[in-house]
Protein backbone atom coordinates (compact mmCIF):
# COMPACT_ATOMS: atom_id res chain seq x y z
CA MET A 1 88.53 76.49 138.83
CA ALA A 2 87.18 78.92 136.90
CA ALA A 3 85.41 80.65 139.97
CA CYS A 4 89.23 81.04 141.41
CA ALA A 5 90.69 81.73 137.98
CA ILE A 6 88.00 85.25 138.19
CA ALA A 7 88.01 86.09 141.75
CA GLY A 8 91.87 86.37 141.63
CA ILE A 9 91.60 88.49 138.50
CA GLN A 10 89.23 90.93 140.46
CA LEU A 11 91.45 91.03 143.42
CA ARG A 12 94.69 92.36 141.35
CA ARG A 13 93.94 95.76 142.67
CA LYS A 14 94.48 94.35 146.44
CA SER A 15 97.70 92.58 145.71
CA PRO A 16 100.99 94.47 145.21
CA GLN A 17 101.76 92.32 142.31
CA PRO A 18 98.36 92.86 140.38
CA TYR A 19 99.58 91.83 136.86
CA THR A 20 100.72 88.65 138.40
CA PHE A 21 97.34 87.98 139.91
CA LEU A 22 96.28 89.32 136.31
CA HIS A 23 98.22 86.95 134.46
CA ALA A 24 97.73 83.64 136.94
CA GLY A 25 93.73 84.24 136.52
CA LEU A 26 93.98 84.78 132.41
CA VAL A 27 96.31 81.38 132.25
CA GLN A 28 94.18 79.20 134.42
CA LEU A 29 91.18 79.98 132.21
CA SER A 30 93.14 79.36 129.12
CA LEU A 31 94.02 76.02 130.55
CA ILE A 32 90.43 75.82 131.52
CA TRP A 33 89.48 76.44 128.01
CA TRP A 34 91.46 73.93 126.13
CA THR A 35 90.33 71.48 129.07
CA TYR A 36 86.29 72.30 127.09
CA ARG A 37 87.90 71.86 123.76
CA PHE A 38 89.87 68.89 123.66
CA ALA A 39 86.65 67.38 126.16
CA GLN A 40 84.52 67.37 123.20
CA HIS A 41 82.98 64.70 121.29
CA GLN A 42 81.77 67.06 118.82
CA HIS A 43 84.32 69.22 117.48
CA GLU A 44 83.40 72.89 116.95
CA THR A 45 83.91 74.92 113.81
CA LEU A 46 82.77 77.79 114.24
CA GLN A 47 85.03 80.57 113.30
CA LEU A 48 84.25 82.13 117.08
CA VAL A 49 85.54 78.77 118.35
CA VAL A 50 89.02 78.76 115.87
CA TRP A 51 89.31 82.26 116.58
CA MET A 52 89.45 81.76 120.25
CA ASP A 53 91.54 78.69 119.86
CA ARG A 54 94.17 81.18 118.04
CA CYS A 55 93.61 83.72 120.80
CA VAL A 56 94.56 81.46 123.81
CA ALA A 57 97.38 79.80 121.88
CA THR A 58 98.66 83.08 120.98
CA TYR A 59 98.35 84.73 124.48
CA LEU A 60 99.87 81.86 126.42
CA ALA A 61 102.86 81.57 124.17
CA CYS A 62 104.09 85.12 124.93
CA VAL A 63 102.87 84.79 128.56
CA SER A 64 105.57 81.51 128.81
CA LEU A 65 107.67 83.68 126.56
CA ALA A 66 107.74 86.72 128.51
CA TRP A 67 108.59 84.66 131.93
CA ILE A 68 111.40 83.08 130.27
CA LEU A 69 113.10 86.56 128.99
CA PHE A 70 112.55 88.81 132.00
CA GLY A 71 110.94 86.45 135.10
CA HIS A 72 114.53 86.81 136.27
CA LEU A 73 114.16 90.28 136.69
CA LEU A 74 111.23 89.57 139.34
CA VAL A 75 112.13 86.79 141.64
CA GLN A 76 115.20 85.14 143.21
CA PRO A 77 117.76 83.44 140.80
CA ALA A 78 116.56 79.52 142.53
CA LEU A 79 112.39 80.62 142.35
CA TYR A 80 113.12 81.78 138.45
CA GLN A 81 114.28 78.61 137.69
CA ALA A 82 111.79 76.64 139.61
CA LEU A 83 109.12 78.15 137.67
CA THR A 84 111.19 78.08 134.46
CA LEU A 85 111.16 74.25 135.04
CA ALA A 86 106.93 74.31 135.49
CA VAL A 87 106.47 77.25 132.25
CA ALA A 88 108.81 74.14 129.94
CA VAL A 89 106.09 71.20 131.55
CA LEU A 90 103.44 73.58 130.74
CA GLN A 91 104.75 74.54 127.23
CA SER A 92 105.28 70.48 126.37
CA ALA A 93 101.20 69.97 127.38
CA LEU A 94 100.16 73.22 125.30
CA LEU A 95 101.94 72.17 121.86
CA TYR A 96 98.32 70.03 121.69
CA GLY A 97 96.99 73.27 121.96
CA TYR A 98 98.61 75.08 119.39
CA GLN A 99 98.33 72.07 116.86
CA LEU A 100 94.66 72.74 117.31
CA ALA A 101 95.01 76.41 116.88
CA TRP A 102 97.27 76.09 113.91
CA TYR A 103 95.48 73.22 111.95
CA GLY A 104 91.98 73.64 113.23
CA PRO A 105 89.36 71.26 114.04
CA GLU A 106 90.46 69.04 111.60
CA TRP A 107 93.13 68.10 113.10
CA LEU A 108 91.49 67.31 116.36
CA THR A 109 89.19 64.87 114.61
CA CYS A 110 91.98 63.22 112.96
CA VAL A 111 93.45 62.39 116.07
CA TYR A 112 90.29 61.19 117.39
CA GLU A 113 89.54 58.80 114.58
CA GLN A 114 92.97 57.47 115.09
CA TYR A 115 93.29 57.18 118.55
CA PRO A 116 89.81 56.37 119.69
CA TRP A 117 91.07 57.28 123.38
CA GLN A 118 92.94 60.19 122.73
CA ARG A 119 90.23 62.59 124.48
CA VAL A 120 90.15 60.39 127.27
CA GLY A 121 93.86 60.93 127.60
CA LEU A 122 93.80 64.87 126.78
CA THR A 123 91.44 65.65 129.28
CA ALA A 124 91.85 63.11 132.42
CA TYR A 125 95.38 62.62 132.49
CA VAL A 126 96.91 65.87 130.74
CA PHE A 127 94.93 69.26 131.31
CA ASN A 128 92.89 68.14 134.35
CA VAL A 129 96.47 66.89 136.21
CA LEU A 130 98.17 70.31 134.52
CA LEU A 131 95.05 72.49 135.85
CA LEU A 132 95.41 70.49 139.26
CA VAL A 133 99.09 71.51 139.36
CA PHE A 134 98.69 74.96 137.95
CA ALA A 135 96.31 75.88 140.72
CA GLN A 136 98.72 74.01 143.79
CA ILE A 137 101.45 76.07 142.63
CA LEU A 138 99.15 79.62 142.78
CA PHE A 139 98.54 78.38 146.24
CA GLY A 140 102.33 77.79 147.03
CA ALA A 141 102.57 81.46 145.38
CA THR A 142 99.79 83.03 147.89
CA LEU A 143 102.58 81.63 151.16
CA ASN A 144 105.56 83.08 149.51
CA LEU A 145 104.17 86.36 148.45
CA ARG A 146 102.53 86.26 152.33
CA LYS A 147 106.01 85.49 153.85
CA ILE A 148 104.79 82.14 155.23
CA TRP A 149 107.05 80.26 152.61
CA THR A 150 110.42 81.30 152.24
CA PRO A 151 111.48 81.11 148.13
CA LEU A 152 113.69 78.14 148.91
CA GLN A 153 110.79 76.38 150.38
CA PHE A 154 108.63 77.38 147.64
CA CYS A 155 110.99 75.81 145.11
CA GLY A 156 110.88 72.63 147.49
CA PHE A 157 106.95 72.23 146.48
CA ILE A 158 107.05 73.26 142.94
CA VAL A 159 109.84 70.81 142.01
CA PRO A 160 108.29 67.81 143.16
CA THR A 161 105.04 69.07 142.50
CA VAL A 162 106.07 69.30 138.69
CA VAL A 163 108.25 66.41 138.33
CA GLY A 164 106.42 64.08 140.52
CA SER A 165 103.30 64.62 138.04
CA LEU A 166 104.90 64.53 135.18
CA VAL A 167 106.09 61.20 135.72
CA ALA A 168 103.24 59.67 137.11
CA THR A 169 101.20 60.95 134.49
CA MET A 170 102.98 59.62 131.64
CA LEU A 171 103.30 56.23 133.26
CA LEU A 172 99.84 56.01 134.14
CA MET A 173 98.02 57.37 130.83
CA GLU A 174 100.99 54.56 128.88
CA TYR A 175 100.05 52.10 131.14
CA TYR A 176 96.34 52.29 130.96
CA LEU A 177 95.72 53.58 127.03
CA THR A 178 98.10 52.11 125.48
CA GLU A 179 97.71 51.81 121.55
CA VAL A 180 94.36 53.89 122.18
CA SER A 181 95.87 56.84 123.13
CA THR A 182 99.27 58.39 122.16
CA GLN A 183 101.93 60.46 124.04
CA ARG A 184 103.12 61.87 121.21
CA LEU A 185 103.86 65.93 121.72
CA TRP A 186 103.39 66.73 118.30
CA ILE A 187 100.74 64.59 116.41
CA ALA A 188 100.90 64.57 112.43
CA CYS A 189 97.80 63.58 111.87
CA LEU A 190 96.63 65.34 108.47
CA PRO A 191 99.18 65.51 105.33
CA GLU A 192 102.01 66.83 106.94
CA GLN A 193 105.53 68.47 105.79
CA ALA A 194 108.74 66.18 105.95
CA TRP A 195 109.67 68.51 108.95
CA SER A 196 106.66 67.90 110.99
CA ARG A 197 107.29 64.07 110.53
CA HIS A 198 110.29 64.57 112.01
CA ILE A 199 109.38 66.72 114.68
CA ASP A 200 106.58 63.80 115.57
CA ASP A 201 108.86 61.16 115.51
CA ALA A 202 111.68 63.11 118.12
CA LEU A 203 108.39 64.13 120.13
CA ASN A 204 107.04 60.69 120.53
CA GLY A 205 106.41 59.43 124.34
CA SER A 206 104.67 56.64 124.10
CA ARG A 207 107.83 55.02 122.52
CA TYR A 208 110.32 56.07 125.04
CA ILE A 209 108.12 55.03 128.02
CA GLN A 210 106.93 51.44 126.13
CA ASP A 211 110.69 50.58 125.99
CA PHE A 212 110.78 51.74 129.90
CA PHE A 213 108.03 48.97 130.51
CA ALA A 214 109.95 46.67 128.41
CA LYS A 215 113.07 46.99 130.39
CA MET A 216 111.28 46.84 133.52
CA LYS A 217 109.50 43.63 132.41
CA ILE A 218 105.83 45.04 132.84
CA ALA A 219 102.93 44.08 131.13
CA LEU A 220 100.89 46.88 129.81
CA LEU A 221 97.30 46.79 130.29
CA ASP A 222 95.07 45.17 127.05
CA PRO A 223 93.27 48.50 125.03
CA ALA A 224 90.61 45.31 124.75
CA ARG A 225 89.60 45.46 128.10
CA LEU A 226 88.94 49.02 128.75
């Protein structure tokens, strides 16, 4: 995927929308960076790596904000709404990256000590899926730019792909990795202020999914079997 992202950046000069290709490639490279960081057994503490974490987090936050503010000027309303949904899902997953950039490697070490399989959850169930979904959206975008798909068809592709991937990922991760990982979008692991604990409780996705499984009378997989 890194090769595809770099190729897309190089092809921007041949595109009628060069900045779209540029930022799409950079976002994909940024997601690859987060996948690499969360997949590590030993967490890097080099100042260069910490600096890269913060640069990637800042770039992704700025690109997402720019889309929300100005994206409606670039595409049709329905397409803007569908892509904004994708950006919202992307941002929910990137909260992990923002926390790593803000608190540093000590935060990630604390999380992995508290949840032994969180590394598997973040890489296999979150960022690898995110990379695949983002690549599919880029493929759909090329078909839309080449007039092979209409904007409505592109919207019909984005929404089921994003929503379906999100639901399937959350259900499967909670079923297979319950207790040994967490779907808290904000993990207050290090000594935190009260506001951080409140955010942790409000964004505790694991609690909501476990309640759903309980109502459906679905027994979760015993972590001892892993």
